[in-house]
Amino acid sequence: MLKVTFLYHSAFLVELSHCSLLFDWYGGAIPAFDRHKPLYVFSSHHHGDHYSPEIFSLLGMDNVWYVLAN
């Protein structure tokens, strides 16, 4: 399974059979996805249109992993 959803600007949600990937989210609604699978959140850099600190509290999931640029 592979499903790619463009969210806006540079943000995408990619759903795979074993996990989901969220790229460069910085605001707005995140579409429904299987929250039982791990979620990997990527931020390519710290600019406000590619990253928001809200991502750490917004999802309310235990199985979230973060890959952040320095």
N, C-alpha and C. Protein backbone atom coordinates (compact mmCIF):
# COMPACT_ATOMS: atom_id res chain seq x y z
N MET A 1 0.84 -1.18 0.00
CA MET A 1 0.00 0.00 0.00
C MET A 1 0.88 1.25 0.00
N LEU A 2 0.55 2.18 -0.81
CA LEU A 2 1.23 3.48 -0.84
C LEU A 2 0.19 4.53 -1.18
N LYS A 3 0.08 5.50 -0.28
CA LYS A 3 -0.84 6.62 -0.51
C LYS A 3 -0.10 7.89 -0.14
N VAL A 4 -0.04 8.83 -1.07
CA VAL A 4 0.63 10.11 -0.84
C VAL A 4 -0.41 11.22 -0.89
N THR A 5 -0.47 12.02 0.17
CA THR A 5 -1.41 13.13 0.24
C THR A 5 -0.63 14.43 0.37
N PHE A 6 -0.82 15.31 -0.60
CA PHE A 6 -0.22 16.64 -0.53
C PHE A 6 -1.06 17.47 0.43
N LEU A 7 -0.42 18.07 1.44
CA LEU A 7 -1.16 18.86 2.42
C LEU A 7 -1.17 20.33 2.01
N TYR A 8 -0.03 20.92 1.75
CA TYR A 8 0.11 22.29 1.27
C TYR A 8 1.59 22.63 1.27
N HIS A 9 1.97 23.64 0.54
CA HIS A 9 3.34 24.13 0.43
C HIS A 9 4.32 22.97 0.22
N SER A 10 4.98 22.53 1.28
CA SER A 10 5.95 21.43 1.17
C SER A 10 5.56 20.23 2.02
N ALA A 11 4.36 20.21 2.56
CA ALA A 11 3.95 19.16 3.49
C ALA A 11 3.24 18.01 2.76
N PHE A 12 3.62 16.79 3.13
CA PHE A 12 3.04 15.59 2.57
C PHE A 12 2.82 14.57 3.68
N LEU A 13 1.79 13.75 3.53
CA LEU A 13 1.59 12.58 4.36
C LEU A 13 1.71 11.38 3.44
N VAL A 14 2.62 10.46 3.76
CA VAL A 14 2.82 9.25 2.98
C VAL A 14 2.43 8.08 3.85
N GLU A 15 1.48 7.29 3.39
CA GLU A 15 1.01 6.13 4.14
C GLU A 15 1.51 4.86 3.45
N LEU A 16 2.22 4.05 4.21
CA LEU A 16 2.74 2.77 3.74
C LEU A 16 2.05 1.65 4.50
N SER A 17 2.26 0.43 4.10
CA SER A 17 1.59 -0.69 4.77
C SER A 17 2.05 -0.86 6.22
N HIS A 18 3.28 -0.45 6.54
CA HIS A 18 3.82 -0.67 7.88
C HIS A 18 4.02 0.59 8.71
N CYS A 19 3.88 1.79 8.10
CA CYS A 19 4.06 3.04 8.84
C CYS A 19 3.54 4.20 8.01
N SER A 20 3.53 5.39 8.62
CA SER A 20 3.18 6.62 7.91
C SER A 20 4.32 7.61 8.08
N LEU A 21 4.48 8.49 7.08
CA LEU A 21 5.55 9.48 7.08
C LEU A 21 4.93 10.85 6.88
N LEU A 22 5.30 11.79 7.72
CA LEU A 22 4.79 13.15 7.62
C LEU A 22 5.98 14.08 7.38
N PHE A 23 5.95 14.79 6.26
CA PHE A 23 7.06 15.64 5.86
C PHE A 23 6.70 17.11 5.96
N ASP A 24 7.55 17.88 6.63
CA ASP A 24 7.51 19.35 6.66
C ASP A 24 6.16 19.95 7.04
N TRP A 25 5.48 19.34 7.99
CA TRP A 25 4.21 19.87 8.47
C TRP A 25 4.47 21.10 9.33
N TYR A 26 3.65 22.13 9.18
CA TYR A 26 3.79 23.32 10.03
C TYR A 26 2.46 23.94 10.40
N GLY A 27 1.36 23.33 10.06
CA GLY A 27 0.06 23.86 10.46
C GLY A 27 -1.05 23.27 9.62
N GLY A 28 -2.25 23.44 10.10
CA GLY A 28 -3.41 22.93 9.38
C GLY A 28 -3.75 21.51 9.79
N ALA A 29 -4.83 21.04 9.23
CA ALA A 29 -5.33 19.70 9.57
C ALA A 29 -4.44 18.62 8.97
N ILE A 30 -4.26 17.57 9.73
CA ILE A 30 -3.58 16.37 9.23
C ILE A 30 -4.69 15.36 8.94
N PRO A 31 -4.75 14.83 7.73
CA PRO A 31 -5.82 13.91 7.39
C PRO A 31 -5.81 12.66 8.27
N ALA A 32 -6.92 11.99 8.33
CA ALA A 32 -7.01 10.74 9.10
C ALA A 32 -6.06 9.71 8.50
N PHE A 33 -5.40 8.96 9.37
CA PHE A 33 -4.51 7.88 8.96
C PHE A 33 -4.52 6.85 10.08
N ASP A 34 -3.98 5.67 9.83
CA ASP A 34 -3.97 4.59 10.80
C ASP A 34 -2.99 4.91 11.93
N ARG A 35 -3.51 5.30 13.07
CA ARG A 35 -2.67 5.70 14.20
C ARG A 35 -2.12 4.51 14.98
N HIS A 36 -2.45 3.30 14.56
CA HIS A 36 -1.86 2.12 15.20
C HIS A 36 -0.49 1.81 14.63
N LYS A 37 -0.20 2.33 13.44
CA LYS A 37 1.11 2.14 12.82
C LYS A 37 2.04 3.27 13.27
N PRO A 38 3.34 3.01 13.31
CA PRO A 38 4.28 4.09 13.66
C PRO A 38 4.18 5.25 12.68
N LEU A 39 4.43 6.45 13.20
CA LEU A 39 4.47 7.65 12.39
C LEU A 39 5.86 8.26 12.51
N TYR A 40 6.48 8.54 11.38
CA TYR A 40 7.78 9.20 11.34
C TYR A 40 7.55 10.61 10.82
N VAL A 41 7.97 11.60 11.61
CA VAL A 41 7.78 13.00 11.27
C VAL A 41 9.13 13.58 10.87
N PHE A 42 9.20 14.14 9.67
CA PHE A 42 10.43 14.71 9.14
C PHE A 42 10.30 16.22 9.02
N SER A 43 11.35 16.92 9.39
CA SER A 43 11.41 18.37 9.20
C SER A 43 12.73 18.67 8.50
N SER A 44 12.65 19.19 7.27
CA SER A 44 13.87 19.39 6.49
C SER A 44 14.72 20.54 7.00
N HIS A 45 14.08 21.55 7.61
CA HIS A 45 14.82 22.64 8.23
C HIS A 45 13.87 23.44 9.12
N HIS A 46 14.41 24.37 9.90
CA HIS A 46 13.65 25.01 10.98
C HIS A 46 12.83 26.22 10.54
N HIS A 47 12.77 26.55 9.28
CA HIS A 47 11.95 27.70 8.87
C HIS A 47 10.49 27.46 9.20
N GLY A 48 9.79 28.52 9.49
CA GLY A 48 8.39 28.44 9.92
C GLY A 48 7.45 27.79 8.92
N ASP A 49 7.84 27.72 7.65
CA ASP A 49 6.97 27.07 6.67
C ASP A 49 7.36 25.62 6.41
N HIS A 50 8.21 25.05 7.27
CA HIS A 50 8.60 23.65 7.17
C HIS A 50 8.59 22.94 8.53
N TYR A 51 8.34 23.70 9.58
CA TYR A 51 8.43 23.11 10.93
C TYR A 51 7.61 23.94 11.90
N SER A 52 6.90 23.25 12.78
CA SER A 52 6.21 23.90 13.89
C SER A 52 6.42 23.04 15.14
N PRO A 53 6.76 23.64 16.28
CA PRO A 53 6.92 22.85 17.50
C PRO A 53 5.62 22.18 17.94
N GLU A 54 4.50 22.61 17.40
CA GLU A 54 3.22 21.97 17.74
C GLU A 54 3.18 20.49 17.36
N ILE A 55 4.03 20.08 16.45
CA ILE A 55 4.02 18.70 16.01
C ILE A 55 4.31 17.73 17.16
N PHE A 56 4.97 18.22 18.21
CA PHE A 56 5.29 17.35 19.35
C PHE A 56 4.09 17.07 20.23
N SER A 57 3.08 17.91 20.20
CA SER A 57 1.91 17.70 21.05
C SER A 57 0.62 17.48 20.26
N LEU A 58 0.60 17.80 19.01
CA LEU A 58 -0.61 17.76 18.21
C LEU A 58 -1.18 16.36 18.02
N LEU A 59 -0.34 15.39 17.79
CA LEU A 59 -0.81 14.08 17.36
C LEU A 59 -1.32 13.21 18.49
N GLY A 60 -0.82 13.37 19.70
CA GLY A 60 -1.29 12.58 20.83
C GLY A 60 -1.09 11.09 20.65
N MET A 61 0.03 10.71 20.08
CA MET A 61 0.34 9.30 19.84
C MET A 61 1.62 8.92 20.57
N ASP A 62 1.74 7.64 20.93
CA ASP A 62 2.95 7.16 21.58
C ASP A 62 3.98 6.65 20.58
N ASN A 63 3.53 6.27 19.40
CA ASN A 63 4.43 5.64 18.44
C ASN A 63 4.85 6.63 17.34
N VAL A 64 5.36 7.78 17.76
CA VAL A 64 5.83 8.81 16.83
C VAL A 64 7.34 8.96 16.98
N TRP A 65 8.01 9.03 15.85
CA TRP A 65 9.45 9.22 15.81
C TRP A 65 9.74 10.47 14.99
N TYR A 66 10.73 11.24 15.41
CA TYR A 66 11.03 12.52 14.77
C TYR A 66 12.41 12.50 14.15
N VAL A 67 12.50 13.01 12.93
CA VAL A 67 13.76 13.18 12.23
C VAL A 67 13.84 14.65 11.88
N LEU A 68 14.69 15.38 12.61
CA LEU A 68 14.73 16.84 12.49
C LEU A 68 16.09 17.30 11.98
N ALA A 69 16.07 18.29 11.12
CA ALA A 69 17.32 18.90 10.66
C ALA A 69 17.89 19.75 11.80
N ASN A 70 19.20 19.93 11.80
CA ASN A 70 19.80 20.72 12.88
C ASN A 70 19.79 22.19 12.56
